Amino acid sequence: MKTINKISEAEKSNIKSIAKINKLVKSGKLIKSHTSTIREYISRKSCGYVSAYSGRFGVGFTHASPNWSSTRFSYVTYYVKPTI
């Protein structure tokens, strides 16, 4: 299987919100890989933050969001480019 290795600088600067990521998921350019917990506090007043990701699960973006059940742990969802 082949993986697209890079995210262009234009893509990194353009994708700053979860709404744009959801559009890319619907169009098939990204897939939602999985959600896990991280030991980090993210305010419940915010929707979290989006950052570029390149690592073990592929190349794409992560969305860190608050966990309403805990103040010590938050959620991180991985959105990666599909393998060809």
N, C-alpha and C. Protein backbone atom coordinates (compact mmCIF):
# COMPACT_ATOMS: atom_id res chain seq x y z
N MET A 1 0.83 -1.18 0.00
CA MET A 1 0.00 0.00 0.00
C MET A 1 0.87 1.24 0.00
N LYS A 2 0.39 2.23 -0.69
CA LYS A 2 1.10 3.49 -0.79
C LYS A 2 0.41 4.54 0.07
N THR A 3 1.17 5.33 0.77
CA THR A 3 0.62 6.41 1.58
C THR A 3 1.11 7.74 1.04
N ILE A 4 0.23 8.72 1.00
CA ILE A 4 0.65 10.06 0.61
C ILE A 4 1.45 10.62 1.78
N ASN A 5 2.69 11.01 1.51
CA ASN A 5 3.63 11.32 2.59
C ASN A 5 3.59 12.73 3.12
N LYS A 6 3.13 13.68 2.35
CA LYS A 6 3.28 15.06 2.78
C LYS A 6 1.96 15.80 2.76
N ILE A 7 1.88 16.77 3.64
CA ILE A 7 0.80 17.74 3.64
C ILE A 7 1.43 19.06 3.25
N SER A 8 0.88 19.70 2.24
CA SER A 8 1.48 20.95 1.77
C SER A 8 1.29 22.05 2.82
N GLU A 9 2.14 23.04 2.74
CA GLU A 9 2.05 24.18 3.66
C GLU A 9 0.72 24.91 3.51
N ALA A 10 0.21 24.94 2.29
CA ALA A 10 -1.09 25.60 2.06
C ALA A 10 -2.19 24.85 2.79
N GLU A 11 -2.15 23.51 2.78
CA GLU A 11 -3.15 22.71 3.48
C GLU A 11 -3.04 22.93 4.99
N LYS A 12 -1.82 22.97 5.52
CA LYS A 12 -1.62 23.17 6.95
C LYS A 12 -2.19 24.49 7.42
N SER A 13 -1.95 25.54 6.65
CA SER A 13 -2.41 26.86 7.07
C SER A 13 -3.91 27.04 6.83
N ASN A 14 -4.47 26.30 5.87
CA ASN A 14 -5.87 26.46 5.52
C ASN A 14 -6.81 25.72 6.47
N ILE A 15 -6.37 24.60 6.99
CA ILE A 15 -7.25 23.78 7.83
C ILE A 15 -7.00 24.12 9.28
N LYS A 16 -7.90 24.89 9.86
CA LYS A 16 -7.76 25.32 11.25
C LYS A 16 -8.98 24.95 12.08
N SER A 17 -10.03 24.43 11.44
CA SER A 17 -11.25 24.14 12.20
C SER A 17 -11.74 22.73 11.91
N ILE A 18 -12.50 22.20 12.83
CA ILE A 18 -13.05 20.86 12.69
C ILE A 18 -14.08 20.82 11.57
N ALA A 19 -14.73 21.94 11.27
CA ALA A 19 -15.71 21.98 10.18
C ALA A 19 -15.03 21.70 8.84
N LYS A 20 -13.85 22.24 8.64
CA LYS A 20 -13.12 21.98 7.39
C LYS A 20 -12.66 20.53 7.33
N ILE A 21 -12.28 19.97 8.45
CA ILE A 21 -11.88 18.56 8.47
C ILE A 21 -13.08 17.67 8.15
N ASN A 22 -14.24 17.98 8.71
CA ASN A 22 -15.44 17.19 8.41
C ASN A 22 -15.80 17.23 6.93
N LYS A 23 -15.58 18.38 6.28
CA LYS A 23 -15.82 18.47 4.83
C LYS A 23 -14.86 17.55 4.07
N LEU A 24 -13.60 17.50 4.51
CA LEU A 24 -12.62 16.63 3.86
C LEU A 24 -12.95 15.16 4.08
N VAL A 25 -13.50 14.83 5.25
CA VAL A 25 -13.90 13.44 5.53
C VAL A 25 -15.06 13.06 4.62
N LYS A 26 -16.04 13.95 4.47
CA LYS A 26 -17.19 13.66 3.60
C LYS A 26 -16.78 13.52 2.14
N SER A 27 -15.77 14.28 1.72
CA SER A 27 -15.32 14.20 0.33
C SER A 27 -14.38 13.01 0.08
N GLY A 28 -13.92 12.36 1.15
CA GLY A 28 -13.07 11.19 1.02
C GLY A 28 -11.58 11.48 1.00
N LYS A 29 -11.19 12.74 1.21
CA LYS A 29 -9.77 13.09 1.21
C LYS A 29 -9.09 12.74 2.53
N LEU A 30 -9.86 12.62 3.61
CA LEU A 30 -9.36 12.19 4.91
C LEU A 30 -10.29 11.11 5.45
N ILE A 31 -9.75 10.26 6.31
CA ILE A 31 -10.59 9.30 7.03
C ILE A 31 -10.37 9.49 8.53
N LYS A 32 -11.41 9.22 9.30
CA LYS A 32 -11.29 9.30 10.75
C LYS A 32 -10.69 7.98 11.22
N SER A 33 -9.47 8.04 11.71
CA SER A 33 -8.75 6.83 12.11
C SER A 33 -9.26 6.32 13.45
N HIS A 34 -9.11 7.11 14.49
CA HIS A 34 -9.55 6.70 15.82
C HIS A 34 -9.49 7.88 16.78
N THR A 35 -10.04 7.68 17.96
CA THR A 35 -9.99 8.67 19.03
C THR A 35 -9.35 8.04 20.25
N SER A 36 -8.47 8.78 20.90
CA SER A 36 -7.85 8.29 22.12
C SER A 36 -7.81 9.41 23.14
N THR A 37 -7.33 9.11 24.33
CA THR A 37 -7.23 10.12 25.37
C THR A 37 -5.79 10.58 25.52
N ILE A 38 -5.64 11.83 25.90
CA ILE A 38 -4.32 12.39 26.19
C ILE A 38 -4.39 13.05 27.55
N ARG A 39 -3.27 13.11 28.23
CA ARG A 39 -3.24 13.75 29.55
C ARG A 39 -2.92 15.23 29.37
N GLU A 40 -3.96 15.97 29.11
CA GLU A 40 -3.84 17.41 28.87
C GLU A 40 -5.20 18.02 29.15
N TYR A 41 -5.20 19.18 29.76
CA TYR A 41 -6.45 19.88 30.00
C TYR A 41 -6.78 20.78 28.82
N ILE A 42 -7.98 20.66 28.32
CA ILE A 42 -8.50 21.55 27.28
C ILE A 42 -9.79 22.13 27.82
N SER A 43 -9.88 23.44 27.81
CA SER A 43 -11.02 24.13 28.38
C SER A 43 -12.32 23.68 27.73
N ARG A 44 -13.34 23.54 28.55
CA ARG A 44 -14.65 23.14 28.05
C ARG A 44 -15.34 24.28 27.31
N LYS A 45 -14.85 25.48 27.48
CA LYS A 45 -15.43 26.62 26.77
C LYS A 45 -15.03 26.65 25.31
N SER A 46 -13.98 25.92 24.96
CA SER A 46 -13.53 25.90 23.57
C SER A 46 -13.96 24.60 22.89
N CYS A 47 -13.82 24.57 21.60
CA CYS A 47 -14.11 23.35 20.83
C CYS A 47 -12.85 22.53 20.63
N GLY A 48 -11.76 22.96 21.23
CA GLY A 48 -10.50 22.26 21.05
C GLY A 48 -9.66 22.94 20.00
N TYR A 49 -8.66 22.21 19.48
CA TYR A 49 -7.80 22.78 18.46
C TYR A 49 -7.40 21.70 17.47
N VAL A 50 -7.04 22.15 16.27
CA VAL A 50 -6.64 21.27 15.17
C VAL A 50 -5.16 21.51 14.92
N SER A 51 -4.41 20.43 14.70
CA SER A 51 -3.00 20.57 14.35
C SER A 51 -2.62 19.52 13.31
N ALA A 52 -1.58 19.82 12.55
CA ALA A 52 -1.08 18.89 11.54
C ALA A 52 -0.45 17.69 12.24
N TYR A 53 -0.53 16.53 11.59
CA TYR A 53 -0.02 15.30 12.20
C TYR A 53 0.71 14.47 11.15
N SER A 54 1.85 13.95 11.51
CA SER A 54 2.58 13.00 10.69
C SER A 54 3.25 12.04 11.66
N GLY A 55 2.81 10.80 11.65
CA GLY A 55 3.35 9.86 12.62
C GLY A 55 2.95 8.43 12.35
N ARG A 56 2.80 7.68 13.40
CA ARG A 56 2.57 6.25 13.35
C ARG A 56 1.33 5.85 12.54
N PHE A 57 0.29 6.66 12.58
CA PHE A 57 -0.97 6.30 11.96
C PHE A 57 -1.13 6.87 10.56
N GLY A 58 -0.19 7.67 10.11
CA GLY A 58 -0.25 8.25 8.78
C GLY A 58 0.02 9.74 8.81
N VAL A 59 -0.47 10.40 7.76
CA VAL A 59 -0.28 11.83 7.60
C VAL A 59 -1.65 12.48 7.55
N GLY A 60 -1.84 13.54 8.32
CA GLY A 60 -3.13 14.21 8.32
C GLY A 60 -3.21 15.26 9.41
N PHE A 61 -4.31 15.21 10.18
CA PHE A 61 -4.57 16.20 11.21
C PHE A 61 -5.08 15.53 12.47
N THR A 62 -4.91 16.20 13.60
CA THR A 62 -5.51 15.75 14.85
C THR A 62 -6.44 16.84 15.35
N HIS A 63 -7.47 16.42 16.05
CA HIS A 63 -8.39 17.36 16.69
C HIS A 63 -8.42 17.02 18.17
N ALA A 64 -7.90 17.91 18.98
CA ALA A 64 -7.92 17.73 20.43
C ALA A 64 -9.16 18.43 20.97
N SER A 65 -9.96 17.71 21.75
CA SER A 65 -11.22 18.26 22.25
C SER A 65 -11.37 17.96 23.74
N PRO A 66 -12.20 18.75 24.43
CA PRO A 66 -12.36 18.55 25.88
C PRO A 66 -13.11 17.26 26.21
N ASN A 67 -12.80 16.73 27.37
CA ASN A 67 -13.49 15.55 27.89
C ASN A 67 -14.38 16.04 29.03
N TRP A 68 -15.67 15.94 28.86
CA TRP A 68 -16.60 16.48 29.85
C TRP A 68 -16.66 15.63 31.11
N SER A 69 -16.07 14.44 31.09
CA SER A 69 -16.08 13.56 32.26
C SER A 69 -14.83 13.71 33.12
N SER A 70 -13.83 14.43 32.63
CA SER A 70 -12.57 14.50 33.35
C SER A 70 -11.91 15.86 33.14
N THR A 71 -11.16 16.31 34.14
CA THR A 71 -10.38 17.53 33.96
C THR A 71 -8.91 17.21 33.70
N ARG A 72 -8.52 15.97 33.87
CA ARG A 72 -7.13 15.58 33.64
C ARG A 72 -6.87 15.07 32.23
N PHE A 73 -7.88 14.50 31.62
CA PHE A 73 -7.71 13.89 30.32
C PHE A 73 -8.62 14.54 29.28
N SER A 74 -8.13 14.60 28.05
CA SER A 74 -8.89 15.13 26.93
C SER A 74 -8.86 14.10 25.81
N TYR A 75 -9.64 14.34 24.78
CA TYR A 75 -9.69 13.43 23.63
C TYR A 75 -8.85 13.99 22.48
N VAL A 76 -8.24 13.11 21.72
CA VAL A 76 -7.58 13.48 20.48
C VAL A 76 -8.08 12.51 19.40
N THR A 77 -8.57 13.08 18.30
CA THR A 77 -9.08 12.29 17.19
C THR A 77 -8.12 12.46 16.02
N TYR A 78 -7.75 11.34 15.40
CA TYR A 78 -6.80 11.34 14.30
C TYR A 78 -7.55 11.24 12.97
N TYR A 79 -7.29 12.19 12.08
CA TYR A 79 -7.82 12.18 10.72
C TYR A 79 -6.63 12.06 9.78
N VAL A 80 -6.56 10.99 9.00
CA VAL A 80 -5.41 10.75 8.14
C VAL A 80 -5.83 10.56 6.70
N LYS A 81 -4.88 10.77 5.81
CA LYS A 81 -5.14 10.55 4.39
C LYS A 81 -5.24 9.05 4.15
N PRO A 82 -6.21 8.61 3.33
CA PRO A 82 -6.37 7.18 3.09
C PRO A 82 -5.18 6.61 2.29
N THR A 83 -4.91 5.34 2.52
CA THR A 83 -3.85 4.67 1.77
C THR A 83 -4.38 4.29 0.40
N ILE A 84 -3.49 4.27 -0.55
CA ILE A 84 -3.90 3.96 -1.94
C ILE A 84 -3.56 2.52 -2.26
